C-alpha cells in the first residue's frame, strides 16, 4: 500500500506558500494607463521583490474572463520578468476589478510565493 503522506505534505506546502493580501500590503502593484484606444495594465514589483515568469500572472474578472500578463524581456534564466509584465485591454478603464494571481519572490530567497489580491 502506498503512503499518501508525501502528497499530503506537498499539498500543505502549496497552500502554506499562497497568501491572500490586501492591495496596500501586496509585494506588487497594478498600474492602469491609457494607450491608444485601449488600456495598458502593468504589474510592478515592490522593492526587493521579483515576479516569477514561470507562473504567468493573471487577472480574473467577475465574468470569468482571464487576462494573462506578458513581457518582452525576461532574466537570463527566463525565471523572472526583467521588466514589468503587462497586458493591453480594449476600451478605456480608470479602474480594474477582479482577482489578481501572481507568484513573487524576494531577492534574497529561492522560493516564490503565490499571492492573491482582490482588486
Protein backbone atom coordinates (compact mmCIF):
# COMPACT_ATOMS: atom_id res chain seq x y z
CA UNK A 1 0.00 0.00 0.00
CA UNK A 2 1.37 3.40 -0.99
CA UNK A 3 1.59 6.18 1.55
CA UNK A 4 -0.33 9.39 0.89
CA UNK A 5 1.78 11.33 3.34
CA UNK A 6 4.21 12.83 0.76
CA UNK A 7 1.29 14.01 -1.36
CA UNK A 8 -0.46 15.47 1.70
CA UNK A 9 2.73 17.30 2.75
CA UNK A 10 3.20 18.67 -0.78
CA UNK A 11 -0.40 19.92 -0.79
CA UNK A 12 0.09 21.54 2.62
CA UNK A 13 3.28 23.24 1.40
CA UNK A 14 1.42 24.54 -1.65
CA UNK A 15 -1.29 26.15 0.48
CA UNK A 16 1.23 27.49 3.01
CA UNK A 17 3.02 29.35 0.20
CA UNK A 18 -0.15 31.06 -1.02
CA UNK A 19 -1.26 34.24 0.68
CA UNK A 20 -4.29 36.47 0.21
CA UNK A 21 -3.17 40.05 0.77
CA UNK A 22 -4.73 43.48 0.52
CA UNK A 23 -3.56 45.75 -2.31
CA UNK A 24 -1.85 48.02 0.24
CA UNK A 25 0.28 45.15 1.62
CA UNK A 26 0.98 43.46 -1.71
CA UNK A 27 4.53 42.82 -2.93
CA UNK A 28 3.42 44.20 -6.30
CA UNK A 29 1.15 46.92 -7.62
CA UNK A 30 -1.01 47.29 -10.70
CA UNK A 31 -0.77 50.38 -12.88
CA UNK A 32 -3.51 51.41 -15.31
CA UNK A 33 -2.70 53.72 -18.25
CA UNK A 34 -4.46 54.76 -21.45
CA UNK A 35 -2.74 53.53 -24.61
CA UNK A 36 -4.38 54.40 -27.90
CA UNK A 37 -8.00 53.23 -27.82
CA UNK A 38 -7.18 50.69 -25.09
CA UNK A 39 -5.81 50.48 -21.56
CA UNK A 40 -2.42 49.05 -20.57
CA UNK A 41 -2.33 47.15 -17.26
CA UNK A 42 1.16 46.54 -15.83
CA UNK A 43 2.47 44.80 -12.71
CA UNK A 44 5.32 46.43 -10.78
CA UNK A 45 7.15 44.53 -8.03
CA UNK A 46 7.76 46.19 -4.67
CA UNK A 47 11.39 46.89 -3.76
CA UNK A 48 13.40 43.69 -3.21
CA UNK A 49 10.79 41.51 -4.99
CA UNK A 50 10.70 39.97 -8.45
CA UNK A 51 7.78 38.49 -10.40
CA UNK A 52 8.02 34.82 -11.33
CA UNK A 53 7.73 34.36 -15.13
CA UNK A 54 7.26 30.60 -14.94
CA UNK A 55 3.82 31.09 -13.37
CA UNK A 56 2.40 33.86 -15.55
CA UNK A 57 0.39 36.45 -13.57
CA UNK A 58 -3.33 36.51 -14.35
CA UNK A 59 -6.25 38.80 -13.61
CA UNK A 60 -9.61 37.02 -13.33
CA UNK A 61 -12.65 39.23 -13.78
CA UNK A 62 -16.02 38.57 -12.19
CA UNK A 63 -17.46 37.48 -15.56
CA UNK A 64 -14.87 34.70 -15.83
CA UNK A 65 -12.52 36.35 -18.33
CA UNK A 66 -8.81 35.82 -17.63
CA UNK A 67 -6.13 38.30 -18.68
CA UNK A 68 -2.57 36.96 -18.73
CA UNK A 69 0.33 39.37 -18.24
CA UNK A 70 3.36 39.04 -20.53
CA UNK A 71 6.60 40.87 -21.19
CA UNK A 72 9.12 41.05 -23.96
CA UNK A 73 12.12 40.71 -21.67
CA UNK A 74 12.92 38.03 -19.10
CA UNK A 75 16.01 37.46 -16.98
CA UNK A 76 18.83 35.37 -18.49
CA UNK A 77 17.47 32.19 -16.88
CA UNK A 78 13.88 33.00 -18.05
CA UNK A 79 12.66 32.63 -14.47
CA UNK A 80 11.67 36.25 -13.77
CA UNK A 81 10.34 39.28 -15.60
CA UNK A 82 13.14 41.76 -16.34
CA UNK A 83 10.56 44.49 -16.99
CA UNK A 84 7.01 44.85 -15.69
CA UNK A 85 4.69 42.33 -17.34
CA UNK A 86 1.66 43.93 -18.96
CA UNK A 87 -1.48 43.33 -20.97
CA UNK A 88 -3.40 45.63 -23.30
CA UNK A 89 -7.19 45.55 -22.89
CA UNK A 90 -9.74 47.10 -25.21
CA UNK A 91 -11.52 50.27 -24.18
CA UNK A 92 -10.61 52.92 -21.66
CA UNK A 93 -10.70 51.98 -17.99
CA UNK A 94 -9.94 54.08 -14.95
CA UNK A 95 -10.22 51.15 -12.55
CA UNK A 96 -9.86 47.41 -12.77
CA UNK A 97 -11.79 44.89 -10.68
CA UNK A 98 -11.15 41.20 -10.27
CA UNK A 99 -8.74 38.77 -8.63
CA UNK A 100 -5.05 39.08 -9.40
CA UNK A 101 -2.92 35.95 -9.01
CA UNK A 102 0.85 36.13 -9.28
CA UNK A 103 3.95 34.41 -7.97
CA UNK A 104 6.57 36.67 -6.38
CA UNK A 105 9.98 36.08 -4.86
CA UNK A 106 12.10 38.14 -2.54
CA UNK A 107 15.51 38.97 -3.99
CA UNK A 108 17.23 37.08 -1.17
CA UNK A 109 15.04 33.92 -1.29
CA UNK A 110 14.92 30.97 -3.67
CA UNK A 111 11.27 30.11 -3.04
CA UNK A 112 8.46 32.06 -4.69
CA UNK A 113 5.05 32.56 -3.12
CA UNK A 114 1.73 32.88 -4.83
CA UNK A 115 -0.23 35.98 -3.88
CA UNK A 116 -3.93 36.55 -4.46
CA UNK A 117 -5.14 40.16 -4.46
CA UNK A 118 -8.76 41.26 -4.72
CA UNK A 119 -8.98 44.45 -6.76
